[in-house]
């Protein structure tokens, strides 16, 4: 038996759902504030009630689309890509940014758009490549442009160039609203030639007494019937003078109308809606619940990752403490989250931090991680650490001075029982042989970065076998081979990753270490001399490795001889070449890059690439390869295209981007390839995204394969 809801005609259901799903004309065109930022259940929830509601509500939901973020644009693009039929329901589209290549599939599918609202408030880090490619496909009737003085960014300039061409081609455009007089100034020539434009509404603010020259240019359009000026800052004296001058020009006299209405494209000013938000009575009546809910919200608002992203200009970064100034409640429940993860980038902040944790010990007890970028010596650490009994992560910056061995032993007593992650601490060599029992203090240690030339005693009687029982990841920079001997005496039951960096000392020893712990390692980074060392027997002792890193620099070049081994590697899936950023090879040779030019290739890398190109064709389980982009030339590029199971290519690029599309095309022929990722530290992600989007506009497979990521 069907339910009453399913027995209703679609027209009745539409009338019921329309008030909940429809966005009015006034809301769509209101540029004064964000009308679409509501903290409520998503309107798409109505589509999940039943099939009848889904059928009727889908056109209502997609009829008017406001896009306020890149995430929304990506979600809409994904929906239209999977079901292009949804695009025909879109009649009105409001875009409040650039939103990158995601706008292209949206505009490709939404050919029935009659009302288009675009924002020219596009930052340098954003991209308008999708808009630029998709706008010529449309033919809107009404156009709204929202912008101001700031039109000097590259995305805006490209978008304006495309808009000028579109205005000449849009034969159905009869009405346009421009929120700023500066937009009129920029596109006045195109407006004068718009083939069907009848009504032009100009908003914004300007104290003018003379008719601007660009208004004469626009008035030359023979199809124009009405120029309505709604400047909200227009003093009466200036207004009258301006009006009198328009009357001296016959064409302007018949076109220009000074409106008392504010700058809205659809009529008089819409009165602001009353704020219907009511603070929940349950929260007001239960302070404990109120604190718990706001604390959870502020936990996300104060995360370090939200405030220190490299691609955000420093001037636009929001301080982590900003939300604490909203009210006393936010300050009380949000402050512990600020002190949970402390990052002191400059030394002048240290006294203030110490003062706060001294006055309020609970803040120090709440601190879980401490990152010191400045010169944090042993004395400073001895002052700080007693106030942070719950500290689990300690990281020191590259500029931190060496810690005396005696001080390290004292600090281990303070932080050992709770510390789980230790990075960046450089320790002076002990005067004599040290006992490895010191490691037994770190009962919770999961990740240890070791940088000390201290010599250890390795006799069984001085090594505690249960030391570092929770260690998962070990990174070794400068060390004495006795360290590996001591670690070989320990059980280390959960050790899975070991990294050796040979950039300051030559790794020696370790045969016992790899015999004992090699079988359980899944991630391993070594230099080539270690891989070739028969005493270490890496391939035999480490059969479970899935990710192999090869560390190299000028003193430790790679020639690929270890790749020619006859040992089998049943689980190896990823090989990463790790090099220092300051490598400078004196000898170079040139390779043809395919564009008539040459690319310098470090001579020590030539033997490696020759061996690697042969191995790639035989490795049946190799799925991912990371390397500098300029390595992928000549013979190795052919090998990559013929690799039997290669799924992912990750390239580092620090050079000119002009040859980037050409090189990528040559590396995309492998049938199993699903991703090509470009990581670049010299160019912004938005810049690279725009270059590659334009280059691969007519190549769907490459558009789907190539992604851009940050190398920082």
Foldseek 3Di string as FASTA:
>chain_A
DDDPVVPDDLVVLLVVLLVVQADDPQQLQDPPDNPPDDDDDDSCVQLVPDVSSVVNCLLSNQQAEEDDDLVVLQVLLVVCVVPLVSLCSHAEYAYAEQSFLSLQSSLVSNQNHAHYEYELPYDLQAANLNVLNRVLSYQYQEYEYHYEDPQPHPRSVSNLVSVLVSQLVRQNHAEYEYAAPVNLVSNLQSLLNRNAHAEYEYEEADAALADDPSVVSNLNNPNYQAYEYAYPHYDPVSVVSHLVNLCVDVSSVRHYDYDPAHRTRPDHDDDDDDPPDDDDPVCVVDVVVVLVVLLVVLLVLLDPVQFDDPLDDPVPGDHSCVQLPPDVSCVVSNLLSNLQEEEAQDPVCLVVVLVVCVVPLVSLCNHAEYEYEEQCELVNCVSNLVSRQQYAYYEYHPHHDAYEPVSVLVVCQRHQQRHAYYYDHAYEADPAAAQPCSQQSNLRHAEDEYHYAYHHDQDLVRADQCGCLNHAEYEYEHYHQNVLSNQLSHQNPRHAYYAYAPPPHHDDHNLSNLQRPQCRYQYYEEEVVLLPDVSNVNCVSNQNHQEYEYEDAPVGFDQQPSVPDPRDRVRHAEYHYHYDPPGDAPDWDWDDPPPPDTDTDRPSCVNNLVSVLVSQQVDPRHAEYEEALVSCDDSNLVSLQNRPHHAEYEHEYADDCPCVVVSVVSNPNNPNYQAYEYEYANDRQNVVSSVQCVSCVVPVSSVRHYHYDYPD
